[in-house]
Amino acid sequence: MSHRQSTLQRPGIVIAVGLCILSLITACAGDQPKPLPQPTPDQVRGHADRAFEKLKQEEQERAAQPPAPGY
């Protein structure tokens, strides 16, 4: 009976392997993702300016708070 079971399972294995190969071929044939556009120097400068302003604001808020008790 084991010979009969292996004969019945063989088509399923062949189909599974065939589907795997087909999916690999279609995945490799697809369009490559386009890289993200590089930010302009003005955009980089704007992000840096906002981050710097936020940092200065946090430092001012920290300076305005009373010091925490020491350990």
PDB file of N, CA and C in Angstrom:
ATOM      1  N   MET A   1       0.812  -1.188   0.000  1.00  0.00           N
ATOM      2  CA  MET A   1       0.000   0.000   0.000  1.00  0.00           C
ATOM      3  C   MET A   1       0.861   1.258   0.000  1.00  0.00           C
ATOM      4  N   SER A   2       2.068   1.197   0.549  1.00  0.00           N
ATOM      5  CA  SER A   2       2.923   2.375   0.564  1.00  0.00           C
ATOM      6  C   SER A   2       3.319   2.780  -0.846  1.00  0.00           C
ATOM      7  N   HIS A   3       3.482   1.807  -1.755  1.00  0.00           N
ATOM      8  CA  HIS A   3       3.798   2.124  -3.139  1.00  0.00           C
ATOM      9  C   HIS A   3       2.643   2.890  -3.781  1.00  0.00           C
ATOM     10  N   ARG A   4       1.412   2.473  -3.455  1.00  0.00           N
ATOM     11  CA  ARG A   4       0.237   3.127  -4.030  1.00  0.00           C
ATOM     12  C   ARG A   4       0.105   4.556  -3.488  1.00  0.00           C
ATOM     13  N   GLN A   5       0.391   4.778  -2.202  1.00  0.00           N
ATOM     14  CA  GLN A   5       0.308   6.119  -1.628  1.00  0.00           C
ATOM     15  C   GLN A   5       1.351   7.038  -2.250  1.00  0.00           C
ATOM     16  N   SER A   6       2.577   6.559  -2.423  1.00  0.00           N
ATOM     17  CA  SER A   6       3.608   7.417  -2.999  1.00  0.00           C
ATOM     18  C   SER A   6       3.270   7.767  -4.441  1.00  0.00           C
ATOM     19  N   THR A   7       2.622   6.876  -5.161  1.00  0.00           N
ATOM     20  CA  THR A   7       2.214   7.156  -6.530  1.00  0.00           C
ATOM     21  C   THR A   7       1.121   8.220  -6.549  1.00  0.00           C
ATOM     22  N   LEU A   8       0.242   8.193  -5.565  1.00  0.00           N
ATOM     23  CA  LEU A   8      -0.820   9.193  -5.505  1.00  0.00           C
ATOM     24  C   LEU A   8      -0.293  10.548  -5.049  1.00  0.00           C
ATOM     25  N   GLN A   9       0.737  10.577  -4.233  1.00  0.00           N
ATOM     26  CA  GLN A   9       1.277  11.830  -3.732  1.00  0.00           C
ATOM     27  C   GLN A   9       2.185  12.515  -4.745  1.00  0.00           C
ATOM     28  N   ARG A  10       2.757  11.779  -5.677  1.00  0.00           N
ATOM     29  CA  ARG A  10       3.714  12.341  -6.620  1.00  0.00           C
ATOM     30  C   ARG A  10       3.125  13.489  -7.457  1.00  0.00           C
ATOM     31  N   PRO A  11       1.912  13.381  -7.999  1.00  0.00           N
ATOM     32  CA  PRO A  11       1.380  14.516  -8.777  1.00  0.00           C
ATOM     33  C   PRO A  11       1.227  15.791  -7.935  1.00  0.00           C
ATOM     34  N   GLY A  12       0.870  15.633  -6.682  1.00  0.00           N
ATOM     35  CA  GLY A  12       0.741  16.802  -5.802  1.00  0.00           C
ATOM     36  C   GLY A  12       2.077  17.487  -5.588  1.00  0.00           C
ATOM     37  N   ILE A  13       3.129  16.691  -5.449  1.00  0.00           N
ATOM     38  CA  ILE A  13       4.466  17.256  -5.259  1.00  0.00           C
ATOM     39  C   ILE A  13       4.923  17.958  -6.532  1.00  0.00           C
ATOM     40  N   VAL A  14       4.658  17.350  -7.661  1.00  0.00           N
ATOM     41  CA  VAL A  14       5.041  17.955  -8.943  1.00  0.00           C
ATOM     42  C   VAL A  14       4.317  19.281  -9.136  1.00  0.00           C
ATOM     43  N   ILE A  15       3.042  19.313  -8.795  1.00  0.00           N
ATOM     44  CA  ILE A  15       2.274  20.559  -8.928  1.00  0.00           C
ATOM     45  C   ILE A  15       2.825  21.623  -7.985  1.00  0.00           C
ATOM     46  N   ALA A  16       3.142  21.259  -6.744  1.00  0.00           N
ATOM     47  CA  ALA A  16       3.671  22.218  -5.775  1.00  0.00           C
ATOM     48  C   ALA A  16       5.007  22.780  -6.237  1.00  0.00           C
ATOM     49  N   VAL A  17       5.883  21.918  -6.731  1.00  0.00           N
ATOM     50  CA  VAL A  17       7.183  22.378  -7.216  1.00  0.00           C
ATOM     51  C   VAL A  17       6.993  23.284  -8.427  1.00  0.00           C
ATOM     52  N   GLY A  18       6.094  22.925  -9.310  1.00  0.00           N
ATOM     53  CA  GLY A  18       5.812  23.745 -10.492  1.00  0.00           C
ATOM     54  C   GLY A  18       5.295  25.119 -10.119  1.00  0.00           C
ATOM     55  N   LEU A  19       4.420  25.180  -9.119  1.00  0.00           N
ATOM     56  CA  LEU A  19       3.898  26.471  -8.676  1.00  0.00           C
ATOM     57  C   LEU A  19       4.988  27.324  -8.044  1.00  0.00           C
ATOM     58  N   CYS A  20       5.886  26.691  -7.315  1.00  0.00           N
ATOM     59  CA  CYS A  20       7.003  27.444  -6.718  1.00  0.00           C
ATOM     60  C   CYS A  20       7.899  28.033  -7.800  1.00  0.00           C
ATOM     61  N   ILE A  21       8.208  27.238  -8.797  1.00  0.00           N
ATOM     62  CA  ILE A  21       9.055  27.726  -9.892  1.00  0.00           C
ATOM     63  C   ILE A  21       8.349  28.848 -10.646  1.00  0.00           C
ATOM     64  N   LEU A  22       7.063  28.693 -10.901  1.00  0.00           N
ATOM     65  CA  LEU A  22       6.302  29.726 -11.596  1.00  0.00           C
ATOM     66  C   LEU A  22       6.271  31.023 -10.793  1.00  0.00           C
ATOM     67  N   SER A  23       6.098  30.928  -9.475  1.00  0.00           N
ATOM     68  CA  SER A  23       6.060  32.140  -8.657  1.00  0.00           C
ATOM     69  C   SER A  23       7.423  32.822  -8.618  1.00  0.00           C
ATOM     70  N   LEU A  24       8.503  32.041  -8.615  1.00  0.00           N
ATOM     71  CA  LEU A  24       9.837  32.638  -8.658  1.00  0.00           C
ATOM     72  C   LEU A  24      10.073  33.381  -9.968  1.00  0.00           C
ATOM     73  N   ILE A  25       9.639  32.784 -11.064  1.00  0.00           N
ATOM     74  CA  ILE A  25       9.827  33.422 -12.371  1.00  0.00           C
ATOM     75  C   ILE A  25       9.040  34.727 -12.441  1.00  0.00           C
ATOM     76  N   THR A  26       7.806  34.710 -11.983  1.00  0.00           N
ATOM     77  CA  THR A  26       6.997  35.926 -12.066  1.00  0.00           C
ATOM     78  C   THR A  26       7.493  36.988 -11.096  1.00  0.00           C
ATOM     79  N   ALA A  27       8.026  36.584  -9.955  1.00  0.00           N
ATOM     80  CA  ALA A  27       8.549  37.562  -8.998  1.00  0.00           C
ATOM     81  C   ALA A  27       9.794  38.236  -9.546  1.00  0.00           C
ATOM     82  N   CYS A  28      10.639  37.481 -10.216  1.00  0.00           N
ATOM     83  CA  CYS A  28      11.862  38.052 -10.768  1.00  0.00           C
ATOM     84  C   CYS A  28      11.590  38.896 -12.010  1.00  0.00           C
ATOM     85  N   ALA A  29      10.498  38.616 -12.707  1.00  0.00           N
ATOM     86  CA  ALA A  29      10.197  39.342 -13.936  1.00  0.00           C
ATOM     87  C   ALA A  29       9.460  40.650 -13.673  1.00  0.00           C
ATOM     88  N   GLY A  30       9.016  40.876 -12.458  1.00  0.00           N
ATOM     89  CA  GLY A  30       8.266  42.089 -12.144  1.00  0.00           C
ATOM     90  C   GLY A  30       9.134  43.332 -12.216  1.00  0.00           C
ATOM     91  N   ASP A  31       8.483  44.490 -12.273  1.00  0.00           N
ATOM     92  CA  ASP A  31       9.207  45.759 -12.311  1.00  0.00           C
ATOM     93  C   ASP A  31       9.969  45.963 -11.011  1.00  0.00           C
ATOM     94  N   GLN A  32      11.157  46.469 -11.160  1.00  0.00           N
ATOM     95  CA  GLN A  32      11.959  46.778  -9.978  1.00  0.00           C
ATOM     96  C   GLN A  32      11.392  48.041  -9.322  1.00  0.00           C
ATOM     97  N   PRO A  33      11.354  48.104  -7.993  1.00  0.00           N
ATOM     98  CA  PRO A  33      10.845  49.309  -7.337  1.00  0.00           C
ATOM     99  C   PRO A  33      11.761  50.492  -7.616  1.00  0.00           C
ATOM    100  N   LYS A  34      11.147  51.623  -7.830  1.00  0.00           N
ATOM    101  CA  LYS A  34      11.920  52.826  -8.126  1.00  0.00           C
ATOM    102  C   LYS A  34      12.450  53.397  -6.817  1.00  0.00           C
ATOM    103  N   PRO A  35      13.683  53.885  -6.817  1.00  0.00           N
ATOM    104  CA  PRO A  35      14.225  54.471  -5.592  1.00  0.00           C
ATOM    105  C   PRO A  35      13.486  55.763  -5.240  1.00  0.00           C
ATOM    106  N   LEU A  36      13.469  56.062  -3.971  1.00  0.00           N
ATOM    107  CA  LEU A  36      12.827  57.295  -3.526  1.00  0.00           C
ATOM    108  C   LEU A  36      13.612  58.488  -4.063  1.00  0.00           C
ATOM    109  N   PRO A  37      12.920  59.553  -4.422  1.00  0.00           N
ATOM    110  CA  PRO A  37      13.636  60.731  -4.908  1.00  0.00           C
ATOM    111  C   PRO A  37      14.474  61.341  -3.787  1.00  0.00           C
ATOM    112  N   GLN A  38      15.647  61.795  -4.149  1.00  0.00           N
ATOM    113  CA  GLN A  38      16.539  62.388  -3.163  1.00  0.00           C
ATOM    114  C   GLN A  38      16.016  63.773  -2.776  1.00  0.00           C
ATOM    115  N   PRO A  39      16.071  64.114  -1.484  1.00  0.00           N
ATOM    116  CA  PRO A  39      15.601  65.439  -1.076  1.00  0.00           C
ATOM    117  C   PRO A  39      16.545  66.528  -1.602  1.00  0.00           C
ATOM    118  N   THR A  40      15.971  67.674  -1.867  1.00  0.00           N
ATOM    119  CA  THR A  40      16.783  68.796  -2.336  1.00  0.00           C
ATOM    120  C   THR A  40      17.528  69.398  -1.158  1.00  0.00           C
ATOM    121  N   PRO A  41      18.590  70.134  -1.424  1.00  0.00           N
ATOM    122  CA  PRO A  41      19.311  70.787  -0.310  1.00  0.00           C
ATOM    123  C   PRO A  41      18.412  71.705   0.508  1.00  0.00           C
ATOM    124  N   ASP A  42      17.441  72.363  -0.138  1.00  0.00           N
ATOM    125  CA  ASP A  42      16.524  73.225   0.615  1.00  0.00           C
ATOM    126  C   ASP A  42      15.654  72.417   1.570  1.00  0.00           C
ATOM    127  N   GLN A  43      15.220  71.224   1.138  1.00  0.00           N
ATOM    128  CA  GLN A  43      14.420  70.372   2.025  1.00  0.00           C
ATOM    129  C   GLN A  43      15.251  69.905   3.213  1.00  0.00           C
ATOM    130  N   VAL A  44      16.494  69.521   2.957  1.00  0.00           N
ATOM    131  CA  VAL A  44      17.374  69.069   4.037  1.00  0.00           C
ATOM    132  C   VAL A  44      17.602  70.211   5.024  1.00  0.00           C
ATOM    133  N   ARG A  45      17.857  71.398   4.489  1.00  0.00           N
ATOM    134  CA  ARG A  45      18.087  72.561   5.348  1.00  0.00           C
ATOM    135  C   ARG A  45      16.845  72.875   6.177  1.00  0.00           C
ATOM    136  N   GLY A  46      15.654  72.760   5.573  1.00  0.00           N
ATOM    137  CA  GLY A  46      14.418  73.025   6.299  1.00  0.00           C
ATOM    138  C   GLY A  46      14.204  72.032   7.434  1.00  0.00           C
ATOM    139  N   HIS A  47      14.473  70.749   7.178  1.00  0.00           N
ATOM    140  CA  HIS A  47      14.342  69.739   8.234  1.00  0.00           C
ATOM    141  C   HIS A  47      15.338  70.003   9.363  1.00  0.00           C
ATOM    142  N   ALA A  48      16.556  70.359   8.997  1.00  0.00           N
ATOM    143  CA  ALA A  48      17.582  70.621  10.005  1.00  0.00           C
ATOM    144  C   ALA A  48      17.214  71.848  10.835  1.00  0.00           C
ATOM    145  N   ASP A  49      16.703  72.894  10.180  1.00  0.00           N
ATOM    146  CA  ASP A  49      16.304  74.104  10.912  1.00  0.00           C
ATOM    147  C   ASP A  49      15.180  73.800  11.901  1.00  0.00           C
ATOM    148  N   ARG A  50      14.193  73.005  11.455  1.00  0.00           N
ATOM    149  CA  ARG A  50      13.086  72.662  12.366  1.00  0.00           C
ATOM    150  C   ARG A  50      13.587  71.835  13.553  1.00  0.00           C
ATOM    151  N   ALA A  51      14.477  70.902  13.291  1.00  0.00           N
ATOM    152  CA  ALA A  51      15.008  70.078  14.383  1.00  0.00           C
ATOM    153  C   ALA A  51      15.809  70.929  15.361  1.00  0.00           C
ATOM    154  N   PHE A  52      16.586  71.884  14.827  1.00  0.00           N
ATOM    155  CA  PHE A  52      17.380  72.747  15.687  1.00  0.00           C
ATOM    156  C   PHE A  52      16.477  73.641  16.540  1.00  0.00           C
ATOM    157  N   GLU A  53      15.430  74.189  15.941  1.00  0.00           N
ATOM    158  CA  GLU A  53      14.495  75.031  16.702  1.00  0.00           C
ATOM    159  C   GLU A  53      13.804  74.218  17.796  1.00  0.00           C
ATOM    160  N   LYS A  54      13.437  72.992  17.484  1.00  0.00           N
ATOM    161  CA  LYS A  54      12.798  72.134  18.482  1.00  0.00           C
ATOM    162  C   LYS A  54      13.758  71.839  19.626  1.00  0.00           C
ATOM    163  N   LEU A  55      15.015  71.590  19.297  1.00  0.00           N
ATOM    164  CA  LEU A  55      16.020  71.333  20.329  1.00  0.00           C
ATOM    165  C   LEU A  55      16.213  72.549  21.224  1.00  0.00           C
ATOM    166  N   LYS A  56      16.289  73.743  20.621  1.00  0.00           N
ATOM    167  CA  LYS A  56      16.438  74.966  21.421  1.00  0.00           C
ATOM    168  C   LYS A  56      15.235  75.162  22.341  1.00  0.00           C
ATOM    169  N   GLN A  57      14.025  74.887  21.819  1.00  0.00           N
ATOM    170  CA  GLN A  57      12.823  75.040  22.632  1.00  0.00           C
ATOM    171  C   GLN A  57      12.841  74.068  23.816  1.00  0.00           C
ATOM    172  N   GLU A  58      13.250  72.827  23.580  1.00  0.00           N
ATOM    173  CA  GLU A  58      13.320  71.851  24.670  1.00  0.00           C
ATOM    174  C   GLU A  58      14.346  72.269  25.713  1.00  0.00           C
ATOM    175  N   GLU A  59      15.476  72.831  25.275  1.00  0.00           N
ATOM    176  CA  GLU A  59      16.478  73.291  26.242  1.00  0.00           C
ATOM    177  C   GLU A  59      15.952  74.444  27.075  1.00  0.00           C
ATOM    178  N   GLN A  60      15.198  75.362  26.454  1.00  0.00           N
ATOM    179  CA  GLN A  60      14.634  76.491  27.199  1.00  0.00           C
ATOM    180  C   GLN A  60      13.610  76.001  28.212  1.00  0.00           C
ATOM    181  N   GLU A  61      12.776  75.028  27.816  1.00  0.00           N
ATOM    182  CA  GLU A  61      11.781  74.481  28.743  1.00  0.00           C
ATOM    183  C   GLU A  61      12.457  73.775  29.902  1.00  0.00           C
ATOM    184  N   ARG A  62      13.541  73.062  29.617  1.00  0.00           N
ATOM    185  CA  ARG A  62      14.263  72.352  30.666  1.00  0.00           C
ATOM    186  C   ARG A  62      14.923  73.333  31.635  1.00  0.00           C
ATOM    187  N   ALA A  63      15.425  74.452  31.116  1.00  0.00           N
ATOM    188  CA  ALA A  63      16.069  75.461  31.968  1.00  0.00           C
ATOM    189  C   ALA A  63      15.046  76.156  32.854  1.00  0.00           C
ATOM    190  N   ALA A  64      13.796  76.272  32.387  1.00  0.00           N
ATOM    191  CA  ALA A  64      12.758  76.954  33.155  1.00  0.00           C
ATOM    192  C   ALA A  64      12.222  76.090  34.294  1.00  0.00           C
ATOM    193  N   GLN A  65      12.389  74.795  34.224  1.00  0.00           N
ATOM    194  CA  GLN A  65      11.901  73.900  35.282  1.00  0.00           C
ATOM    195  C   GLN A  65      12.877  73.919  36.452  1.00  0.00           C
ATOM    196  N   PRO A  66      12.327  73.806  37.674  1.00  0.00           N
ATOM    197  CA  PRO A  66      13.224  73.756  38.840  1.00  0.00           C
ATOM    198  C   PRO A  66      14.033  72.465  38.804  1.00  0.00           C
ATOM    199  N   PRO A  67      15.256  72.504  39.296  1.00  0.00           N
ATOM    200  CA  PRO A  67      16.091  71.298  39.279  1.00  0.00           C
ATOM    201  C   PRO A  67      15.477  70.176  40.133  1.00  0.00           C
ATOM    202  N   ALA A  68      15.640  68.967  39.678  1.00  0.00           N
ATOM    203  CA  ALA A  68      15.143  67.811  40.407  1.00  0.00           C
ATOM    204  C   ALA A  68      16.031  67.586  41.626  1.00  0.00           C
ATOM    205  N   PRO A  69      15.440  67.078  42.724  1.00  0.00           N
ATOM    206  CA  PRO A  69      16.254  66.828  43.919  1.00  0.00           C
ATOM    207  C   PRO A  69      17.353  65.808  43.615  1.00  0.00           C
ATOM    208  N   GLY A  70      18.556  66.057  44.126  1.00  0.00           N
ATOM    209  CA  GLY A  70      19.687  65.164  43.877  1.00  0.00           C
ATOM    210  C   GLY A  70      19.594  63.889  44.690  1.00  0.00           C
ATOM    211  N   TYR A  71      20.317  62.917  44.249  1.00  0.00           N
ATOM    212  CA  TYR A  71      20.330  61.625  44.967  1.00  0.00           C
ATOM    213  C   TYR A  71      21.565  61.495  45.778  1.00  0.00           C
TER     214      TYR A  71
END
